[in-house]
């Protein structure tokens, strides 16, 4: 099945966001049948509310980024400065192994 990027609207903030073909393929591989309802920022906020710094201990702050290799939205444990490329975990493994 061929996937194409879709523009969706976040149910929390009302902003448009892209549900990429790669994300759709990932959702299908995991057996998920629903599309995401929230943008990356709102998903991060919701996760922080849910898991916060409760019994799980302090969680590392994550920052939104766009992969320099594939363009997919991702999260990284540092604040991107813009002077160096940032990669999603899949592309980072490929770049690291070159």
PDB file of N, CA and C in Angstrom:
ATOM      1  N   UNK A   1       0.842  -1.180   0.000  1.00  0.00           N
ATOM      2  CA  UNK A   1       0.000   0.000   0.000  1.00  0.00           C
ATOM      3  C   UNK A   1       0.888   1.244   0.000  1.00  0.00           C
ATOM      4  N   UNK A   2       0.566   2.195  -0.843  1.00  0.00           N
ATOM      5  CA  UNK A   2       1.346   3.419  -0.956  1.00  0.00           C
ATOM      6  C   UNK A   2       0.713   4.518  -0.106  1.00  0.00           C
ATOM      7  N   UNK A   3       1.534   5.144   0.721  1.00  0.00           N
ATOM      8  CA  UNK A   3       1.047   6.201   1.593  1.00  0.00           C
ATOM      9  C   UNK A   3       1.482   7.555   1.049  1.00  0.00           C
ATOM     10  N   UNK A   4       0.677   8.589   1.330  1.00  0.00           N
ATOM     11  CA  UNK A   4       1.021   9.956   0.972  1.00  0.00           C
ATOM     12  C   UNK A   4       0.820  10.831   2.197  1.00  0.00           C
ATOM     13  N   UNK A   5       1.642  11.879   2.335  1.00  0.00           N
ATOM     14  CA  UNK A   5       1.499  12.799   3.458  1.00  0.00           C
ATOM     15  C   UNK A   5       0.072  13.344   3.507  1.00  0.00           C
ATOM     16  N   UNK A   6      -0.452  13.483   4.736  1.00  0.00           N
ATOM     17  CA  UNK A   6      -1.792  14.035   4.948  1.00  0.00           C
ATOM     18  C   UNK A   6      -1.685  15.217   5.889  1.00  0.00           C
ATOM     19  N   UNK A   7      -2.516  16.218   5.669  1.00  0.00           N
ATOM     20  CA  UNK A   7      -2.591  17.345   6.586  1.00  0.00           C
ATOM     21  C   UNK A   7      -3.788  17.110   7.495  1.00  0.00           C
ATOM     22  N   UNK A   8      -3.518  17.088   8.809  1.00  0.00           N
ATOM     23  CA  UNK A   8      -4.562  16.875   9.804  1.00  0.00           C
ATOM     24  C   UNK A   8      -4.666  18.105  10.701  1.00  0.00           C
ATOM     25  N   UNK A   9      -5.746  18.205  11.452  1.00  0.00           N
ATOM     26  CA  UNK A   9      -5.947  19.314  12.384  1.00  0.00           C
ATOM     27  C   UNK A   9      -5.897  18.785  13.806  1.00  0.00           C
ATOM     28  N   UNK A  10      -5.086  19.438  14.641  1.00  0.00           N
ATOM     29  CA  UNK A  10      -4.918  19.029  16.039  1.00  0.00           C
ATOM     30  C   UNK A  10      -6.210  19.272  16.808  1.00  0.00           C
ATOM     31  N   UNK A  11      -6.646  18.264  17.564  1.00  0.00           N
ATOM     32  CA  UNK A  11      -7.885  18.386  18.329  1.00  0.00           C
ATOM     33  C   UNK A  11      -7.724  19.280  19.554  1.00  0.00           C
ATOM     34  N   UNK A  12      -6.473  19.542  19.982  1.00  0.00           N
ATOM     35  CA  UNK A  12      -6.248  20.396  21.147  1.00  0.00           C
ATOM     36  C   UNK A  12      -6.076  21.864  20.769  1.00  0.00           C
ATOM     37  N   UNK A  13      -5.144  22.151  19.857  1.00  0.00           N
ATOM     38  CA  UNK A  13      -4.823  23.554  19.550  1.00  0.00           C
ATOM     39  C   UNK A  13      -5.435  24.052  18.242  1.00  0.00           C
ATOM     40  N   UNK A  14      -5.941  23.135  17.403  1.00  0.00           N
ATOM     41  CA  UNK A  14      -6.570  23.529  16.148  1.00  0.00           C
ATOM     42  C   UNK A  14      -5.599  23.807  15.005  1.00  0.00           C
ATOM     43  N   UNK A  15      -4.302  23.651  15.234  1.00  0.00           N
ATOM     44  CA  UNK A  15      -3.305  23.885  14.192  1.00  0.00           C
ATOM     45  C   UNK A  15      -3.223  22.683  13.246  1.00  0.00           C
ATOM     46  N   UNK A  16      -2.841  22.945  12.013  1.00  0.00           N
ATOM     47  CA  UNK A  16      -2.635  21.875  11.039  1.00  0.00           C
ATOM     48  C   UNK A  16      -1.264  21.255  11.267  1.00  0.00           C
ATOM     49  N   UNK A  17      -1.174  19.941  11.029  1.00  0.00           N
ATOM     50  CA  UNK A  17       0.110  19.249  11.100  1.00  0.00           C
ATOM     51  C   UNK A  17       0.117  18.144  10.063  1.00  0.00           C
ATOM     52  N   UNK A  18       1.319  17.707   9.695  1.00  0.00           N
ATOM     53  CA  UNK A  18       1.468  16.685   8.653  1.00  0.00           C
ATOM     54  C   UNK A  18       1.602  15.302   9.271  1.00  0.00           C
ATOM     55  N   UNK A  19       0.783  14.391   8.796  1.00  0.00           N
ATOM     56  CA  UNK A  19       0.876  12.976   9.146  1.00  0.00           C
ATOM     57  C   UNK A  19       1.596  12.344   7.955  1.00  0.00           C
ATOM     58  N   UNK A  20       2.915  12.202   8.086  1.00  0.00           N
ATOM     59  CA  UNK A  20       3.749  11.811   6.951  1.00  0.00           C
ATOM     60  C   UNK A  20       3.496  10.369   6.512  1.00  0.00           C
ATOM     61  N   UNK A  21       3.910  10.078   5.299  1.00  0.00           N
ATOM     62  CA  UNK A  21       3.783   8.726   4.757  1.00  0.00           C
ATOM     63  C   UNK A  21       4.544   7.732   5.629  1.00  0.00           C
ATOM     64  N   UNK A  22       5.733   8.150   6.115  1.00  0.00           N
ATOM     65  CA  UNK A  22       6.533   7.278   6.985  1.00  0.00           C
ATOM     66  C   UNK A  22       5.802   6.983   8.295  1.00  0.00           C
ATOM     67  N   UNK A  23       5.177   8.019   8.868  1.00  0.00           N
ATOM     68  CA  UNK A  23       4.418   7.816  10.109  1.00  0.00           C
ATOM     69  C   UNK A  23       3.215   6.899   9.868  1.00  0.00           C
ATOM     70  N   UNK A  24       2.554   7.068   8.734  1.00  0.00           N
ATOM     71  CA  UNK A  24       1.415   6.212   8.406  1.00  0.00           C
ATOM     72  C   UNK A  24       1.849   4.755   8.290  1.00  0.00           C
ATOM     73  N   UNK A  25       2.985   4.544   7.649  1.00  0.00           N
ATOM     74  CA  UNK A  25       3.518   3.186   7.511  1.00  0.00           C
ATOM     75  C   UNK A  25       3.847   2.596   8.884  1.00  0.00           C
ATOM     76  N   UNK A  26       4.446   3.413   9.755  1.00  0.00           N
ATOM     77  CA  UNK A  26       4.761   2.982  11.121  1.00  0.00           C
ATOM     78  C   UNK A  26       3.478   2.622  11.870  1.00  0.00           C
ATOM     79  N   UNK A  27       2.457   3.483  11.779  1.00  0.00           N
ATOM     80  CA  UNK A  27       1.185   3.217  12.458  1.00  0.00           C
ATOM     81  C   UNK A  27       0.609   1.886  11.993  1.00  0.00           C
ATOM     82  N   UNK A  28       0.654   1.644  10.670  1.00  0.00           N
ATOM     83  CA  UNK A  28       0.119   0.394  10.130  1.00  0.00           C
ATOM     84  C   UNK A  28       0.918  -0.802  10.653  1.00  0.00           C
ATOM     85  N   UNK A  29       2.248  -0.667  10.713  1.00  0.00           N
ATOM     86  CA  UNK A  29       3.088  -1.787  11.171  1.00  0.00           C
ATOM     87  C   UNK A  29       2.808  -2.133  12.630  1.00  0.00           C
ATOM     88  N   UNK A  30       2.378  -1.145  13.413  1.00  0.00           N
ATOM     89  CA  UNK A  30       2.050  -1.372  14.823  1.00  0.00           C
ATOM     90  C   UNK A  30       0.601  -1.820  15.014  1.00  0.00           C
ATOM     91  N   UNK A  31      -0.168  -1.824  13.937  1.00  0.00           N
ATOM     92  CA  UNK A  31      -1.567  -2.244  14.021  1.00  0.00           C
ATOM     93  C   UNK A  31      -2.510  -1.143  14.458  1.00  0.00           C
ATOM     94  N   UNK A  32      -2.022   0.114  14.468  1.00  0.00           N
ATOM     95  CA  UNK A  32      -2.879   1.234  14.856  1.00  0.00           C
ATOM     96  C   UNK A  32      -3.860   1.511  13.727  1.00  0.00           C
ATOM     97  N   UNK A  33      -5.121   1.737  14.060  1.00  0.00           N
ATOM     98  CA  UNK A  33      -6.127   1.985  13.034  1.00  0.00           C
ATOM     99  C   UNK A  33      -6.578   3.439  12.979  1.00  0.00           C
ATOM    100  N   UNK A  34      -6.296   4.221  14.024  1.00  0.00           N
ATOM    101  CA  UNK A  34      -6.692   5.626  14.055  1.00  0.00           C
ATOM    102  C   UNK A  34      -5.519   6.533  13.719  1.00  0.00           C
ATOM    103  N   UNK A  35      -5.828   7.641  13.069  1.00  0.00           N
ATOM    104  CA  UNK A  35      -4.812   8.649  12.801  1.00  0.00           C
ATOM    105  C   UNK A  35      -4.565   9.443  14.088  1.00  0.00           C
ATOM    106  N   UNK A  36      -3.396  10.086  14.225  1.00  0.00           N
ATOM    107  CA  UNK A  36      -3.152  10.893  15.424  1.00  0.00           C
ATOM    108  C   UNK A  36      -4.123  12.071  15.471  1.00  0.00           C
ATOM    109  N   UNK A  37      -4.540  12.436  16.680  1.00  0.00           N
ATOM    110  CA  UNK A  37      -5.474  13.552  16.851  1.00  0.00           C
ATOM    111  C   UNK A  37      -4.759  14.827  17.254  1.00  0.00           C
ATOM    112  N   UNK A  38      -3.495  14.711  17.701  1.00  0.00           N
ATOM    113  CA  UNK A  38      -2.768  15.869  18.218  1.00  0.00           C
ATOM    114  C   UNK A  38      -1.461  16.085  17.454  1.00  0.00           C
ATOM    115  N   UNK A  39      -1.059  17.354  17.358  1.00  0.00           N
ATOM    116  CA  UNK A  39       0.230  17.702  16.751  1.00  0.00           C
ATOM    117  C   UNK A  39       1.349  17.302  17.713  1.00  0.00           C
ATOM    118  N   UNK A  40       2.585  17.332  17.235  1.00  0.00           N
ATOM    119  CA  UNK A  40       3.731  16.913  18.040  1.00  0.00           C
ATOM    120  C   UNK A  40       3.816  17.701  19.346  1.00  0.00           C
ATOM    121  N   UNK A  41       3.631  18.995  19.281  1.00  0.00           N
ATOM    122  CA  UNK A  41       3.724  19.838  20.473  1.00  0.00           C
ATOM    123  C   UNK A  41       2.669  19.464  21.511  1.00  0.00           C
ATOM    124  N   UNK A  42       1.446  19.268  21.078  1.00  0.00           N
ATOM    125  CA  UNK A  42       0.373  18.898  22.010  1.00  0.00           C
ATOM    126  C   UNK A  42       0.566  17.474  22.542  1.00  0.00           C
ATOM    127  N   UNK A  43       1.103  16.566  21.705  1.00  0.00           N
ATOM    128  CA  UNK A  43       1.405  15.217  22.187  1.00  0.00           C
ATOM    129  C   UNK A  43       2.458  15.266  23.281  1.00  0.00           C
ATOM    130  N   UNK A  44       3.487  16.109  23.081  1.00  0.00           N
ATOM    131  CA  UNK A  44       4.543  16.244  24.087  1.00  0.00           C
ATOM    132  C   UNK A  44       3.974  16.803  25.383  1.00  0.00           C
ATOM    133  N   UNK A  45       3.127  17.820  25.280  1.00  0.00           N
ATOM    134  CA  UNK A  45       2.522  18.415  26.476  1.00  0.00           C
ATOM    135  C   UNK A  45       1.674  17.394  27.218  1.00  0.00           C
ATOM    136  N   UNK A  46       0.919  16.630  26.468  1.00  0.00           N
ATOM    137  CA  UNK A  46       0.055  15.617  27.087  1.00  0.00           C
ATOM    138  C   UNK A  46       0.890  14.535  27.779  1.00  0.00           C
ATOM    139  N   UNK A  47       1.981  14.109  27.144  1.00  0.00           N
ATOM    140  CA  UNK A  47       2.862  13.119  27.767  1.00  0.00           C
ATOM    141  C   UNK A  47       3.464  13.676  29.044  1.00  0.00           C
ATOM    142  N   UNK A  48       3.879  14.938  29.012  1.00  0.00           N
ATOM    143  CA  UNK A  48       4.477  15.564  30.192  1.00  0.00           C
ATOM    144  C   UNK A  48       3.472  15.619  31.335  1.00  0.00           C
ATOM    145  N   UNK A  49       2.211  15.928  31.014  1.00  0.00           N
ATOM    146  CA  UNK A  49       1.167  15.953  32.042  1.00  0.00           C
ATOM    147  C   UNK A  49       0.961  14.560  32.633  1.00  0.00           C
ATOM    148  N   UNK A  50       0.949  13.569  31.765  1.00  0.00           N
ATOM    149  CA  UNK A  50       0.686  12.198  32.186  1.00  0.00           C
ATOM    150  C   UNK A  50       1.819  11.608  33.005  1.00  0.00           C
ATOM    151  N   UNK A  51       3.042  11.790  32.527  1.00  0.00           N
ATOM    152  CA  UNK A  51       4.171  11.126  33.161  1.00  0.00           C
ATOM    153  C   UNK A  51       4.988  12.046  34.052  1.00  0.00           C
ATOM    154  N   UNK A  52       4.956  13.338  33.759  1.00  0.00           N
ATOM    155  CA  UNK A  52       5.618  14.342  34.580  1.00  0.00           C
ATOM    156  C   UNK A  52       6.811  13.845  35.360  1.00  0.00           C
ATOM    157  N   UNK A  53       6.937  14.288  36.578  1.00  0.00           N
ATOM    158  CA  UNK A  53       8.044  13.841  37.427  1.00  0.00           C
ATOM    159  C   UNK A  53       7.491  13.085  38.620  1.00  0.00           C
ATOM    160  N   UNK A  54       6.477  12.264  38.357  1.00  0.00           N
ATOM    161  CA  UNK A  54       5.856  11.482  39.424  1.00  0.00           C
ATOM    162  C   UNK A  54       6.717  10.309  39.839  1.00  0.00           C
ATOM    163  N   UNK A  55       6.112   9.167  40.007  1.00  0.00           N
ATOM    164  CA  UNK A  55       6.824   7.999  40.511  1.00  0.00           C
ATOM    165  C   UNK A  55       7.865   7.460  39.535  1.00  0.00           C
ATOM    166  N   UNK A  56       7.875   7.948  38.303  1.00  0.00           N
ATOM    167  CA  UNK A  56       8.844   7.489  37.326  1.00  0.00           C
ATOM    168  C   UNK A  56      10.177   8.236  37.449  1.00  0.00           C
ATOM    169  N   UNK A  57      10.268   9.176  38.376  1.00  0.00           N
ATOM    170  CA  UNK A  57      11.492   9.963  38.524  1.00  0.00           C
ATOM    171  C   UNK A  57      11.490  11.106  37.531  1.00  0.00           C
ATOM    172  N   UNK A  58      12.554  11.857  37.501  1.00  0.00           N
ATOM    173  CA  UNK A  58      12.591  12.991  36.584  1.00  0.00           C
ATOM    174  C   UNK A  58      12.902  12.496  35.182  1.00  0.00           C
ATOM    175  N   UNK A  59      12.126  12.959  34.230  1.00  0.00           N
ATOM    176  CA  UNK A  59      12.304  12.573  32.842  1.00  0.00           C
ATOM    177  C   UNK A  59      13.101  13.652  32.133  1.00  0.00           C
ATOM    178  N   UNK A  60      13.908  13.240  31.218  1.00  0.00           N
ATOM    179  CA  UNK A  60      14.731  14.161  30.450  1.00  0.00           C
ATOM    180  C   UNK A  60      13.847  15.011  29.544  1.00  0.00           C
ATOM    181  N   UNK A  61      14.120  16.302  29.495  1.00  0.00           N
ATOM    182  CA  UNK A  61      13.344  17.175  28.628  1.00  0.00           C
ATOM    183  C   UNK A  61      13.694  16.878  27.176  1.00  0.00           C
ATOM    184  N   UNK A  62      12.667  16.786  26.352  1.00  0.00           N
ATOM    185  CA  UNK A  62      12.862  16.518  24.934  1.00  0.00           C
ATOM    186  C   UNK A  62      12.436  17.753  24.148  1.00  0.00           C
ATOM    187  N   UNK A  63      13.071  17.959  23.003  1.00  0.00           N
ATOM    188  CA  UNK A  63      12.798  19.115  22.166  1.00  0.00           C
ATOM    189  C   UNK A  63      12.361  18.660  20.778  1.00  0.00           C
ATOM    190  N   UNK A  64      11.362  19.338  20.208  1.00  0.00           N
ATOM    191  CA  UNK A  64      10.932  18.969  18.852  1.00  0.00           C
ATOM    192  C   UNK A  64      11.989  19.376  17.825  1.00  0.00           C
ATOM    193  N   UNK A  65      12.102  18.578  16.779  1.00  0.00           N
ATOM    194  CA  UNK A  65      13.054  18.855  15.701  1.00  0.00           C
ATOM    195  C   UNK A  65      12.557  18.189  14.429  1.00  0.00           C
ATOM    196  N   UNK A  66      13.124  18.609  13.317  1.00  0.00           N
ATOM    197  CA  UNK A  66      12.831  17.992  12.022  1.00  0.00           C
ATOM    198  C   UNK A  66      14.121  17.349  11.536  1.00  0.00           C
ATOM    199  N   UNK A  67      14.047  16.084  11.176  1.00  0.00           N
ATOM    200  CA  UNK A  67      15.227  15.332  10.732  1.00  0.00           C
ATOM    201  C   UNK A  67      15.816  15.961   9.470  1.00  0.00           C
ATOM    202  N   UNK A  68      17.130  16.202   9.492  1.00  0.00           N
ATOM    203  CA  UNK A  68      17.825  16.801   8.354  1.00  0.00           C
ATOM    204  C   UNK A  68      17.932  15.838   7.172  1.00  0.00           C
ATOM    205  N   UNK A  69      17.764  14.539   7.435  1.00  0.00           N
ATOM    206  CA  UNK A  69      17.906  13.535   6.381  1.00  0.00           C
ATOM    207  C   UNK A  69      16.568  13.233   5.697  1.00  0.00           C
ATOM    208  N   UNK A  70      15.535  12.893   6.489  1.00  0.00           N
ATOM    209  CA  UNK A  70      14.258  12.453   5.906  1.00  0.00           C
ATOM    210  C   UNK A  70      13.128  13.466   6.073  1.00  0.00           C
ATOM    211  N   UNK A  71      13.302  14.486   6.916  1.00  0.00           N
ATOM    212  CA  UNK A  71      12.277  15.511   7.086  1.00  0.00           C
ATOM    213  C   UNK A  71      11.184  15.153   8.079  1.00  0.00           C
ATOM    214  N   UNK A  72      11.301  14.008   8.748  1.00  0.00           N
ATOM    215  CA  UNK A  72      10.284  13.564   9.699  1.00  0.00           C
ATOM    216  C   UNK A  72      10.392  14.361  11.002  1.00  0.00           C
ATOM    217  N   UNK A  73       9.236  14.655  11.624  1.00  0.00           N
ATOM    218  CA  UNK A  73       9.238  15.301  12.929  1.00  0.00           C
ATOM    219  C   UNK A  73       9.739  14.300  13.955  1.00  0.00           C
ATOM    220  N   UNK A  74      10.583  14.764  14.883  1.00  0.00           N
ATOM    221  CA  UNK A  74      11.159  13.884  15.889  1.00  0.00           C
ATOM    222  C   UNK A  74      11.382  14.664  17.172  1.00  0.00           C
ATOM    223  N   UNK A  75      11.883  13.996  18.185  1.00  0.00           N
ATOM    224  CA  UNK A  75      12.236  14.631  19.443  1.00  0.00           C
ATOM    225  C   UNK A  75      13.675  14.270  19.769  1.00  0.00           C
ATOM    226  N   UNK A  76      14.413  15.248  20.305  1.00  0.00           N
ATOM    227  CA  UNK A  76      15.800  15.019  20.690  1.00  0.00           C
ATOM    228  C   UNK A  76      16.013  15.520  22.120  1.00  0.00           C
ATOM    229  N   UNK A  77      16.997  14.951  22.845  1.00  0.00           N
ATOM    230  CA  UNK A  77      17.206  15.318  24.246  1.00  0.00           C
ATOM    231  C   UNK A  77      18.073  16.569  24.425  1.00  0.00           C
ATOM    232  N   UNK A  78      18.172  17.400  23.390  1.00  0.00           N
ATOM    233  CA  UNK A  78      18.921  18.648  23.475  1.00  0.00           C
ATOM    234  C   UNK A  78      18.208  19.683  22.620  1.00  0.00           C
ATOM    235  N   UNK A  79      18.431  20.950  22.906  1.00  0.00           N
ATOM    236  CA  UNK A  79      17.779  22.005  22.146  1.00  0.00           C
ATOM    237  C   UNK A  79      18.580  22.272  20.874  1.00  0.00           C
ATOM    238  N   UNK A  80      18.010  21.990  19.699  1.00  0.00           N
ATOM    239  CA  UNK A  80      18.733  22.219  18.449  1.00  0.00           C
ATOM    240  C   UNK A  80      19.086  23.698  18.290  1.00  0.00           C
ATOM    241  N   UNK A  81      20.339  23.968  17.898  1.00  0.00           N
ATOM    242  CA  UNK A  81      20.797  25.350  17.744  1.00  0.00           C
ATOM    243  C   UNK A  81      20.711  25.820  16.302  1.00  0.00           C
ATOM    244  N   UNK A  82      20.594  24.897  15.369  1.00  0.00           N
ATOM    245  CA  UNK A  82      20.487  25.267  13.972  1.00  0.00           C
ATOM    246  C   UNK A  82      21.810  25.259  13.227  1.00  0.00           C
ATOM    247  N   UNK A  83      22.949  25.147  13.948  1.00  0.00           N
ATOM    248  CA  UNK A  83      24.231  25.159  13.267  1.00  0.00           C
ATOM    249  C   UNK A  83      24.725  23.760  12.900  1.00  0.00           C
ATOM    250  N   UNK A  84      24.037  22.728  13.378  1.00  0.00           N
ATOM    251  CA  UNK A  84      24.394  21.347  13.049  1.00  0.00           C
ATOM    252  C   UNK A  84      23.123  20.578  12.694  1.00  0.00           C
ATOM    253  N   UNK A  85      23.222  19.579  11.822  1.00  0.00           N
ATOM    254  CA  UNK A  85      22.025  18.805  11.460  1.00  0.00           C
ATOM    255  C   UNK A  85      21.540  17.967  12.640  1.00  0.00           C
ATOM    256  N   UNK A  86      20.232  17.767  12.688  1.00  0.00           N
ATOM    257  CA  UNK A  86      19.600  16.929  13.705  1.00  0.00           C
ATOM    258  C   UNK A  86      18.912  15.789  12.963  1.00  0.00           C
ATOM    259  N   UNK A  87      19.041  14.558  13.486  1.00  0.00           N
ATOM    260  CA  UNK A  87      18.491  13.387  12.815  1.00  0.00           C
ATOM    261  C   UNK A  87      17.498  12.657  13.714  1.00  0.00           C
ATOM    262  N   UNK A  88      16.522  11.987  13.083  1.00  0.00           N
ATOM    263  CA  UNK A  88      15.650  11.071  13.819  1.00  0.00           C
ATOM    264  C   UNK A  88      16.494   9.842  14.174  1.00  0.00           C
ATOM    265  N   UNK A  89      16.015   8.987  15.020  1.00  0.00           N
ATOM    266  CA  UNK A  89      16.819   7.856  15.468  1.00  0.00           C
ATOM    267  C   UNK A  89      17.204   6.921  14.318  1.00  0.00           C
ATOM    268  N   UNK A  90      16.291   6.692  13.371  1.00  0.00           N
ATOM    269  CA  UNK A  90      16.605   5.810  12.237  1.00  0.00           C
ATOM    270  C   UNK A  90      17.721   6.394  11.373  1.00  0.00           C
ATOM    271  N   UNK A  91      17.610   7.675  11.023  1.00  0.00           N
ATOM    272  CA  UNK A  91      18.630   8.302  10.175  1.00  0.00           C
ATOM    273  C   UNK A  91      19.940   8.466  10.928  1.00  0.00           C
ATOM    274  N   UNK A  92      19.872   8.716  12.233  1.00  0.00           N
ATOM    275  CA  UNK A  92      21.104   8.849  13.017  1.00  0.00           C
ATOM    276  C   UNK A  92      21.910   7.546  12.958  1.00  0.00           C
ATOM    277  N   UNK A  93      21.212   6.405  13.081  1.00  0.00           N
ATOM    278  CA  UNK A  93      21.908   5.113  12.995  1.00  0.00           C
ATOM    279  C   UNK A  93      22.590   4.953  11.644  1.00  0.00           C
ATOM    280  N   UNK A  94      21.908   5.356  10.570  1.00  0.00           N
ATOM    281  CA  UNK A  94      22.485   5.249   9.223  1.00  0.00           C
ATOM    282  C   UNK A  94      23.696   6.165   9.077  1.00  0.00           C
ATOM    283  N   UNK A  95      23.568   7.406   9.531  1.00  0.00           N
ATOM    284  CA  UNK A  95      24.660   8.377   9.412  1.00  0.00           C
ATOM    285  C   UNK A  95      25.840   7.949  10.284  1.00  0.00           C
ATOM    286  N   UNK A  96      25.567   7.451  11.475  1.00  0.00           N
ATOM    287  CA  UNK A  96      26.625   7.026  12.408  1.00  0.00           C
ATOM    288  C   UNK A  96      27.429   5.882  11.826  1.00  0.00           C
ATOM    289  N   UNK A  97      26.771   4.972  11.107  1.00  0.00           N
ATOM    290  CA  UNK A  97      27.431   3.778  10.584  1.00  0.00           C
ATOM    291  C   UNK A  97      28.165   4.007   9.262  1.00  0.00           C
ATOM    292  N   UNK A  98      28.107   5.204   8.732  1.00  0.00           N
ATOM    293  CA  UNK A  98      28.789   5.490   7.446  1.00  0.00           C
ATOM    294  C   UNK A  98      30.273   5.464   7.601  1.00  0.00           C
TER     295      UNK A  98
END
